[in-house]
N, C-alpha and C. Protein backbone atom coordinates (compact mmCIF):
# COMPACT_ATOMS: atom_id res chain seq x y z
N MET A 1 93.92 10.45 148.33
CA MET A 1 93.98 9.21 149.09
C MET A 1 94.17 9.55 150.57
N ASN A 2 93.45 8.88 151.40
CA ASN A 2 93.55 9.06 152.85
C ASN A 2 94.91 8.60 153.32
N SER A 3 95.59 9.45 154.06
CA SER A 3 96.95 9.11 154.50
C SER A 3 96.96 7.95 155.48
N GLU A 4 95.82 7.60 156.03
CA GLU A 4 95.77 6.47 156.96
C GLU A 4 95.48 5.15 156.25
N LYS A 5 95.20 5.23 154.96
CA LYS A 5 94.98 4.01 154.19
C LYS A 5 96.29 3.26 154.02
N ILE A 6 96.21 1.94 154.07
CA ILE A 6 97.36 1.07 153.87
C ILE A 6 97.05 0.15 152.69
N LEU A 7 97.98 0.08 151.75
CA LEU A 7 97.81 -0.80 150.59
C LEU A 7 98.60 -2.08 150.81
N VAL A 8 97.94 -3.21 150.60
CA VAL A 8 98.62 -4.50 150.55
C VAL A 8 98.67 -4.90 149.09
N LEU A 9 99.88 -5.02 148.57
CA LEU A 9 100.11 -5.26 147.16
C LEU A 9 100.77 -6.62 146.95
N GLY A 10 100.07 -7.54 146.31
CA GLY A 10 100.63 -8.84 145.96
C GLY A 10 101.18 -8.79 144.55
N ILE A 11 102.44 -9.14 144.39
CA ILE A 11 103.11 -9.09 143.10
C ILE A 11 103.45 -10.51 142.66
N GLY A 12 103.30 -10.79 141.37
CA GLY A 12 103.72 -12.10 140.87
C GLY A 12 103.00 -12.51 139.60
N ASN A 13 103.52 -13.53 138.99
CA ASN A 13 102.95 -14.10 137.78
C ASN A 13 102.43 -15.48 138.11
N VAL A 14 101.11 -15.59 138.23
CA VAL A 14 100.50 -16.86 138.64
C VAL A 14 100.63 -17.95 137.58
N LEU A 15 101.08 -17.60 136.38
CA LEU A 15 101.27 -18.59 135.32
C LEU A 15 102.65 -19.23 135.38
N MET A 16 103.50 -18.74 136.29
CA MET A 16 104.87 -19.25 136.38
C MET A 16 105.13 -19.90 137.74
N GLU A 17 104.24 -20.82 138.10
CA GLU A 17 104.42 -21.64 139.29
C GLU A 17 104.56 -20.79 140.54
N ASP A 18 105.62 -20.96 141.31
CA ASP A 18 105.79 -20.31 142.61
C ASP A 18 106.01 -18.81 142.50
N GLU A 19 106.30 -18.31 141.31
CA GLU A 19 106.51 -16.88 141.10
C GLU A 19 105.25 -16.09 141.42
N GLY A 20 104.11 -16.73 141.46
CA GLY A 20 102.84 -16.07 141.77
C GLY A 20 102.53 -16.00 143.25
N ALA A 21 103.48 -16.28 144.11
CA ALA A 21 103.24 -16.35 145.56
C ALA A 21 102.65 -15.06 146.12
N GLY A 22 103.15 -13.91 145.71
CA GLY A 22 102.64 -12.64 146.24
C GLY A 22 101.18 -12.42 145.91
N VAL A 23 100.79 -12.74 144.69
CA VAL A 23 99.39 -12.63 144.28
C VAL A 23 98.53 -13.60 145.09
N GLU A 24 99.03 -14.79 145.31
CA GLU A 24 98.27 -15.78 146.08
C GLU A 24 98.04 -15.32 147.52
N VAL A 25 99.01 -14.63 148.11
CA VAL A 25 98.82 -14.09 149.46
C VAL A 25 97.72 -13.03 149.43
N ALA A 26 97.74 -12.14 148.44
CA ALA A 26 96.70 -11.12 148.32
C ALA A 26 95.33 -11.77 148.15
N ARG A 27 95.25 -12.80 147.35
CA ARG A 27 93.98 -13.51 147.14
C ARG A 27 93.49 -14.14 148.44
N ARG A 28 94.40 -14.69 149.21
CA ARG A 28 94.02 -15.28 150.49
C ARG A 28 93.47 -14.21 151.43
N LEU A 29 94.09 -13.05 151.43
CA LEU A 29 93.65 -11.96 152.30
C LEU A 29 92.28 -11.43 151.91
N GLU A 30 91.89 -11.61 150.65
CA GLU A 30 90.55 -11.18 150.21
C GLU A 30 89.46 -11.88 151.02
N GLY A 31 89.74 -13.06 151.51
CA GLY A 31 88.77 -13.82 152.29
C GLY A 31 88.79 -13.51 153.78
N GLU A 32 89.68 -12.62 154.19
CA GLU A 32 89.82 -12.26 155.60
C GLU A 32 89.01 -11.00 155.90
N THR A 33 88.63 -10.84 157.15
CA THR A 33 88.02 -9.59 157.60
C THR A 33 89.16 -8.67 158.00
N LEU A 34 89.37 -7.65 157.21
CA LEU A 34 90.47 -6.71 157.44
C LEU A 34 89.91 -5.37 157.87
N PRO A 35 90.71 -4.56 158.55
CA PRO A 35 90.24 -3.22 158.94
C PRO A 35 89.83 -2.40 157.72
N ASP A 36 88.97 -1.41 157.95
CA ASP A 36 88.45 -0.59 156.86
C ASP A 36 89.52 0.21 156.12
N ASN A 37 90.66 0.45 156.77
CA ASN A 37 91.69 1.28 156.13
C ASN A 37 92.65 0.46 155.26
N ILE A 38 92.31 -0.79 154.98
CA ILE A 38 93.17 -1.65 154.18
C ILE A 38 92.61 -1.80 152.77
N ASP A 39 93.45 -1.54 151.79
CA ASP A 39 93.12 -1.81 150.39
C ASP A 39 94.00 -2.95 149.92
N LEU A 40 93.43 -3.89 149.20
CA LEU A 40 94.18 -5.01 148.62
C LEU A 40 94.27 -4.82 147.12
N LEU A 41 95.44 -5.17 146.57
CA LEU A 41 95.63 -5.05 145.13
C LEU A 41 96.46 -6.21 144.61
N ASP A 42 95.91 -6.90 143.62
CA ASP A 42 96.66 -7.89 142.86
C ASP A 42 97.45 -7.09 141.82
N GLY A 43 98.75 -6.94 142.06
CA GLY A 43 99.57 -6.11 141.19
C GLY A 43 100.14 -6.84 140.00
N GLY A 44 99.77 -8.10 139.82
CA GLY A 44 100.32 -8.85 138.69
C GLY A 44 101.83 -8.83 138.73
N THR A 45 102.44 -8.55 137.60
CA THR A 45 103.90 -8.56 137.52
C THR A 45 104.51 -7.17 137.74
N GLY A 46 103.74 -6.27 138.30
CA GLY A 46 104.27 -4.94 138.61
C GLY A 46 104.35 -4.10 137.36
N GLY A 47 105.11 -3.04 137.43
CA GLY A 47 105.30 -2.17 136.27
C GLY A 47 104.66 -0.81 136.46
N PHE A 48 104.89 0.04 135.47
CA PHE A 48 104.45 1.43 135.56
C PHE A 48 102.94 1.60 135.58
N HIS A 49 102.19 0.62 135.10
CA HIS A 49 100.73 0.75 135.12
C HIS A 49 100.19 0.84 136.55
N LEU A 50 101.00 0.47 137.54
CA LEU A 50 100.58 0.53 138.94
C LEU A 50 100.84 1.90 139.58
N LEU A 51 101.59 2.74 138.91
CA LEU A 51 102.02 4.01 139.50
C LEU A 51 100.85 4.83 140.03
N ALA A 52 99.81 4.99 139.24
CA ALA A 52 98.65 5.78 139.67
C ALA A 52 97.95 5.13 140.85
N GLN A 53 97.91 3.79 140.87
CA GLN A 53 97.23 3.09 141.96
C GLN A 53 98.01 3.17 143.27
N LEU A 54 99.33 3.30 143.21
CA LEU A 54 100.15 3.38 144.42
C LEU A 54 100.26 4.80 144.94
N SER A 55 100.03 5.75 144.07
CA SER A 55 100.19 7.15 144.42
C SER A 55 99.24 7.54 145.56
N GLY A 56 99.77 8.24 146.53
CA GLY A 56 98.96 8.74 147.63
C GLY A 56 98.99 7.89 148.88
N TYR A 57 99.45 6.66 148.78
CA TYR A 57 99.54 5.82 149.98
C TYR A 57 100.79 6.18 150.76
N LYS A 58 100.66 6.31 152.06
CA LYS A 58 101.81 6.57 152.93
C LYS A 58 102.48 5.27 153.35
N VAL A 59 101.70 4.16 153.34
CA VAL A 59 102.22 2.85 153.72
C VAL A 59 101.77 1.81 152.69
N ILE A 60 102.74 1.04 152.19
CA ILE A 60 102.44 -0.06 151.28
C ILE A 60 103.13 -1.31 151.80
N ILE A 61 102.35 -2.37 151.91
CA ILE A 61 102.88 -3.69 152.26
C ILE A 61 102.92 -4.50 150.98
N MET A 62 104.13 -4.82 150.51
CA MET A 62 104.29 -5.61 149.29
C MET A 62 104.61 -7.06 149.65
N VAL A 63 104.11 -7.96 148.83
CA VAL A 63 104.42 -9.38 149.00
C VAL A 63 104.87 -9.90 147.64
N ASP A 64 106.04 -10.55 147.62
CA ASP A 64 106.59 -11.02 146.35
C ASP A 64 107.45 -12.25 146.60
N ALA A 65 107.63 -13.02 145.54
CA ALA A 65 108.56 -14.16 145.57
C ALA A 65 109.97 -13.64 145.31
N THR A 66 110.95 -14.35 145.84
CA THR A 66 112.33 -13.97 145.57
C THR A 66 113.18 -15.21 145.35
N LEU A 67 114.13 -15.08 144.44
CA LEU A 67 115.12 -16.13 144.20
C LEU A 67 116.34 -15.78 145.04
N ASP A 68 116.57 -16.55 146.08
CA ASP A 68 117.74 -16.31 146.92
C ASP A 68 118.28 -17.68 147.35
N ASN A 69 119.21 -17.67 148.25
CA ASN A 69 119.81 -18.93 148.68
C ASN A 69 119.14 -19.52 149.91
N ASP A 70 118.02 -18.93 150.34
CA ASP A 70 117.31 -19.45 151.50
C ASP A 70 116.47 -20.65 151.12
N GLU A 71 116.09 -21.40 152.13
CA GLU A 71 115.24 -22.57 151.93
C GLU A 71 113.92 -22.15 151.31
N GLU A 72 113.45 -22.94 150.37
CA GLU A 72 112.18 -22.66 149.71
C GLU A 72 111.07 -22.50 150.74
N GLY A 73 110.30 -21.42 150.61
CA GLY A 73 109.23 -21.15 151.56
C GLY A 73 109.62 -20.24 152.71
N THR A 74 110.91 -19.83 152.77
CA THR A 74 111.36 -18.91 153.81
C THR A 74 110.67 -17.55 153.61
N ILE A 75 110.15 -17.00 154.69
CA ILE A 75 109.46 -15.71 154.65
C ILE A 75 110.32 -14.69 155.37
N LYS A 76 110.55 -13.56 154.69
CA LYS A 76 111.34 -12.47 155.30
C LYS A 76 110.56 -11.17 155.18
N LEU A 77 110.78 -10.30 156.15
CA LEU A 77 110.22 -8.95 156.11
C LEU A 77 111.37 -7.96 156.12
N THR A 78 111.38 -7.07 155.13
CA THR A 78 112.37 -5.99 155.08
C THR A 78 111.61 -4.67 154.94
N GLU A 79 112.33 -3.60 155.22
CA GLU A 79 111.76 -2.25 155.07
C GLU A 79 112.67 -1.44 154.15
N PRO A 80 112.57 -1.68 152.84
CA PRO A 80 113.45 -0.96 151.90
C PRO A 80 113.13 0.53 151.89
N LYS A 81 114.17 1.32 151.90
CA LYS A 81 114.00 2.78 151.87
C LYS A 81 114.35 3.36 150.49
N PHE A 82 115.04 2.58 149.68
CA PHE A 82 115.42 2.98 148.33
C PHE A 82 115.23 1.78 147.42
N ALA A 83 115.14 2.01 146.13
CA ALA A 83 114.99 0.90 145.18
C ALA A 83 116.15 -0.07 145.31
N SER A 84 117.34 0.45 145.62
CA SER A 84 118.52 -0.41 145.75
C SER A 84 118.46 -1.32 146.97
N ASP A 85 117.55 -1.05 147.90
CA ASP A 85 117.40 -1.88 149.10
C ASP A 85 116.60 -3.14 148.84
N PHE A 86 115.94 -3.22 147.69
CA PHE A 86 115.16 -4.41 147.38
C PHE A 86 116.10 -5.58 147.14
N PRO A 87 115.66 -6.80 147.45
CA PRO A 87 116.52 -7.96 147.18
C PRO A 87 116.96 -7.98 145.72
N LYS A 88 118.16 -8.48 145.48
CA LYS A 88 118.73 -8.49 144.13
C LYS A 88 117.92 -9.35 143.17
N ALA A 89 117.29 -10.39 143.67
CA ALA A 89 116.57 -11.32 142.79
C ALA A 89 115.11 -11.42 143.19
N LEU A 90 114.36 -10.37 142.94
CA LEU A 90 112.92 -10.38 143.20
C LEU A 90 112.20 -11.05 142.04
N SER A 91 112.41 -12.31 141.87
CA SER A 91 111.77 -13.14 140.87
C SER A 91 111.83 -12.55 139.46
N ALA A 92 110.84 -12.81 138.65
CA ALA A 92 110.93 -12.53 137.21
C ALA A 92 110.71 -11.08 136.83
N HIS A 93 110.28 -10.23 137.74
CA HIS A 93 109.89 -8.89 137.37
C HIS A 93 110.59 -7.82 138.19
N ASP A 94 111.76 -8.15 138.74
CA ASP A 94 112.42 -7.22 139.67
C ASP A 94 112.72 -5.87 139.05
N ILE A 95 113.04 -5.80 137.78
CA ILE A 95 113.36 -4.52 137.17
C ILE A 95 112.13 -3.61 137.16
N GLY A 96 110.98 -4.14 136.79
CA GLY A 96 109.76 -3.33 136.76
C GLY A 96 109.39 -2.81 138.13
N LEU A 97 109.48 -3.61 139.17
CA LEU A 97 109.13 -3.19 140.52
C LEU A 97 110.11 -2.15 141.04
N LYS A 98 111.39 -2.36 140.79
CA LYS A 98 112.38 -1.38 141.22
C LYS A 98 112.21 -0.06 140.47
N ASP A 99 111.91 -0.14 139.19
CA ASP A 99 111.65 1.08 138.41
C ASP A 99 110.42 1.81 138.94
N LEU A 100 109.42 1.07 139.34
CA LEU A 100 108.21 1.66 139.90
C LEU A 100 108.53 2.42 141.19
N VAL A 101 109.34 1.80 142.04
CA VAL A 101 109.75 2.45 143.29
C VAL A 101 110.57 3.70 142.99
N GLU A 102 111.47 3.62 142.04
CA GLU A 102 112.25 4.79 141.64
C GLU A 102 111.34 5.92 141.16
N SER A 103 110.28 5.57 140.44
CA SER A 103 109.34 6.58 139.95
C SER A 103 108.63 7.27 141.11
N LEU A 104 108.26 6.52 142.13
CA LEU A 104 107.62 7.11 143.30
C LEU A 104 108.57 8.09 143.99
N ILE A 105 109.84 7.75 144.01
CA ILE A 105 110.85 8.65 144.60
C ILE A 105 110.90 9.93 143.79
N LEU A 106 110.96 9.81 142.47
CA LEU A 106 111.03 10.99 141.60
C LEU A 106 109.80 11.88 141.74
N LEU A 107 108.65 11.27 142.00
CA LEU A 107 107.41 12.03 142.18
C LEU A 107 107.26 12.57 143.60
N ASN A 108 108.28 12.33 144.42
CA ASN A 108 108.27 12.75 145.83
C ASN A 108 107.10 12.13 146.58
N GLU A 109 106.75 10.90 146.23
CA GLU A 109 105.65 10.19 146.87
C GLU A 109 106.12 8.85 147.43
N PHE A 110 107.35 8.78 147.86
CA PHE A 110 107.87 7.49 148.33
C PHE A 110 107.22 7.13 149.66
N PRO A 111 106.46 6.06 149.68
CA PRO A 111 105.77 5.66 150.91
C PRO A 111 106.70 4.84 151.80
N LYS A 112 106.24 4.57 152.99
CA LYS A 112 106.90 3.59 153.86
C LYS A 112 106.54 2.23 153.27
N ILE A 113 107.55 1.44 152.94
CA ILE A 113 107.31 0.14 152.32
C ILE A 113 107.77 -0.96 153.25
N TYR A 114 106.90 -1.93 153.41
CA TYR A 114 107.23 -3.17 154.10
C TYR A 114 107.16 -4.25 153.03
N LEU A 115 108.23 -5.01 152.87
CA LEU A 115 108.30 -6.02 151.82
C LEU A 115 108.44 -7.41 152.43
N PHE A 116 107.41 -8.22 152.23
CA PHE A 116 107.48 -9.63 152.58
C PHE A 116 107.94 -10.38 151.35
N THR A 117 109.01 -11.17 151.50
CA THR A 117 109.45 -12.02 150.40
C THR A 117 109.31 -13.48 150.81
N ILE A 118 108.99 -14.30 149.82
CA ILE A 118 108.89 -15.74 150.00
C ILE A 118 109.93 -16.36 149.08
N SER A 119 110.86 -17.11 149.64
CA SER A 119 111.93 -17.71 148.85
C SER A 119 111.39 -18.84 147.98
N ILE A 120 111.74 -18.77 146.69
CA ILE A 120 111.38 -19.83 145.76
C ILE A 120 112.65 -20.38 145.13
N LYS A 121 112.54 -21.56 144.49
CA LYS A 121 113.72 -22.18 143.86
C LYS A 121 113.93 -21.69 142.44
N HIS A 122 112.84 -21.50 141.70
CA HIS A 122 112.94 -21.11 140.29
C HIS A 122 111.60 -20.56 139.84
N PHE A 123 111.58 -19.97 138.65
CA PHE A 123 110.32 -19.49 138.09
C PHE A 123 110.24 -19.78 136.60
N HIS A 124 110.90 -20.82 136.16
CA HIS A 124 110.94 -21.12 134.73
C HIS A 124 109.79 -22.00 134.27
N ASN A 125 109.15 -22.70 135.18
CA ASN A 125 108.08 -23.60 134.78
C ASN A 125 106.78 -22.85 134.55
N VAL A 126 106.11 -23.16 133.45
CA VAL A 126 104.79 -22.60 133.20
C VAL A 126 103.78 -23.54 133.84
N SER A 127 103.20 -23.07 134.94
CA SER A 127 102.24 -23.87 135.68
C SER A 127 101.53 -22.97 136.67
N MET A 128 100.28 -23.27 136.95
CA MET A 128 99.54 -22.51 137.95
C MET A 128 99.54 -23.23 139.30
N GLN A 129 100.27 -24.34 139.39
CA GLN A 129 100.34 -25.13 140.61
C GLN A 129 101.53 -24.69 141.45
N LEU A 130 101.28 -24.36 142.70
CA LEU A 130 102.37 -24.00 143.62
C LEU A 130 103.02 -25.25 144.19
N SER A 131 104.31 -25.16 144.48
CA SER A 131 105.00 -26.28 145.14
C SER A 131 104.48 -26.40 146.57
N PRO A 132 104.63 -27.57 147.19
CA PRO A 132 104.15 -27.74 148.57
C PRO A 132 104.74 -26.72 149.55
N ALA A 133 106.01 -26.40 149.42
CA ALA A 133 106.64 -25.45 150.35
C ALA A 133 106.00 -24.06 150.22
N ILE A 134 105.69 -23.65 149.01
CA ILE A 134 105.08 -22.34 148.80
C ILE A 134 103.61 -22.38 149.21
N GLN A 135 102.93 -23.48 148.94
CA GLN A 135 101.54 -23.63 149.42
C GLN A 135 101.48 -23.44 150.94
N ASN A 136 102.45 -23.99 151.65
CA ASN A 136 102.49 -23.84 153.11
C ASN A 136 102.86 -22.42 153.53
N ALA A 137 103.65 -21.74 152.72
CA ALA A 137 104.09 -20.38 153.07
C ALA A 137 102.99 -19.35 152.88
N ILE A 138 102.03 -19.60 152.00
CA ILE A 138 100.98 -18.61 151.70
C ILE A 138 100.18 -18.24 152.95
N PRO A 139 99.59 -19.20 153.67
CA PRO A 139 98.81 -18.79 154.86
C PRO A 139 99.69 -18.19 155.95
N LYS A 140 100.91 -18.66 156.08
CA LYS A 140 101.82 -18.10 157.09
C LYS A 140 102.15 -16.65 156.76
N THR A 141 102.39 -16.37 155.49
CA THR A 141 102.69 -15.00 155.07
C THR A 141 101.47 -14.11 155.28
N ALA A 142 100.29 -14.61 154.93
CA ALA A 142 99.06 -13.84 155.14
C ALA A 142 98.89 -13.49 156.61
N GLU A 143 99.19 -14.44 157.50
CA GLU A 143 99.11 -14.18 158.95
C GLU A 143 100.08 -13.07 159.36
N LYS A 144 101.30 -13.12 158.81
CA LYS A 144 102.30 -12.11 159.13
C LYS A 144 101.87 -10.73 158.62
N VAL A 145 101.23 -10.69 157.46
CA VAL A 145 100.73 -9.42 156.93
C VAL A 145 99.66 -8.86 157.86
N VAL A 146 98.74 -9.71 158.31
CA VAL A 146 97.68 -9.27 159.22
C VAL A 146 98.28 -8.78 160.54
N GLU A 147 99.28 -9.48 161.05
CA GLU A 147 99.95 -9.03 162.28
C GLU A 147 100.57 -7.65 162.08
N LEU A 148 101.22 -7.43 160.93
CA LEU A 148 101.81 -6.13 160.65
C LEU A 148 100.72 -5.06 160.54
N ILE A 149 99.64 -5.37 159.85
CA ILE A 149 98.52 -4.42 159.74
C ILE A 149 98.03 -4.01 161.13
N ASN A 150 97.83 -5.00 161.99
CA ASN A 150 97.35 -4.71 163.35
C ASN A 150 98.35 -3.83 164.10
N HIS A 151 99.63 -4.12 163.96
CA HIS A 151 100.67 -3.32 164.61
C HIS A 151 100.66 -1.89 164.08
N LEU A 152 100.58 -1.75 162.76
CA LEU A 152 100.57 -0.42 162.16
C LEU A 152 99.34 0.37 162.59
N ASN A 153 98.19 -0.29 162.63
CA ASN A 153 96.97 0.41 163.02
C ASN A 153 96.99 0.86 164.48
N GLN A 154 97.70 0.13 165.33
CA GLN A 154 97.84 0.55 166.73
C GLN A 154 98.69 1.81 166.82
N SER A 155 99.56 2.02 165.84
CA SER A 155 100.47 3.17 165.84
C SER A 155 99.84 4.42 165.26
N LEU A 156 98.72 4.27 164.54
CA LEU A 156 98.07 5.42 163.90
C LEU A 156 97.49 6.35 164.96
N PRO A 157 97.55 7.65 164.70
CA PRO A 157 96.92 8.60 165.62
C PRO A 157 95.43 8.38 165.69
N LYS A 158 94.89 8.49 166.86
CA LYS A 158 93.44 8.26 167.06
C LYS A 158 92.67 9.53 166.84
């Protein structure tokens, strides 16, 4: 894998209402004109099956829903350096994603991770319909991802 490649990984379960926010951001980005060094991946609910696909990337931008005390639709960017740095409530699949990150550490392939989280209220409803607050957060998050991509690409050696 080219060390200058950047992976944008949308995580979530689109069958569980707002829990699919990360996947929806990745889907929105599919319609954008992105630099050639960007790979997009719908990571579904995460897990070890993604390990081979993440291997070799030096930079990964993850997008996921999170259950926290923030207002629904709040977008945050963090730069976790260890699995323990991930938010405590990364929606319905936090254990799988954290285990995946731990595996990258064990393989000595831990990339620079930028994690965009979108605050949701719950993920218990089975529905493919996003709430209005999350519908509004999707394009805003996609814009923030593109801004980060542009910033990162300016930092790459020419």
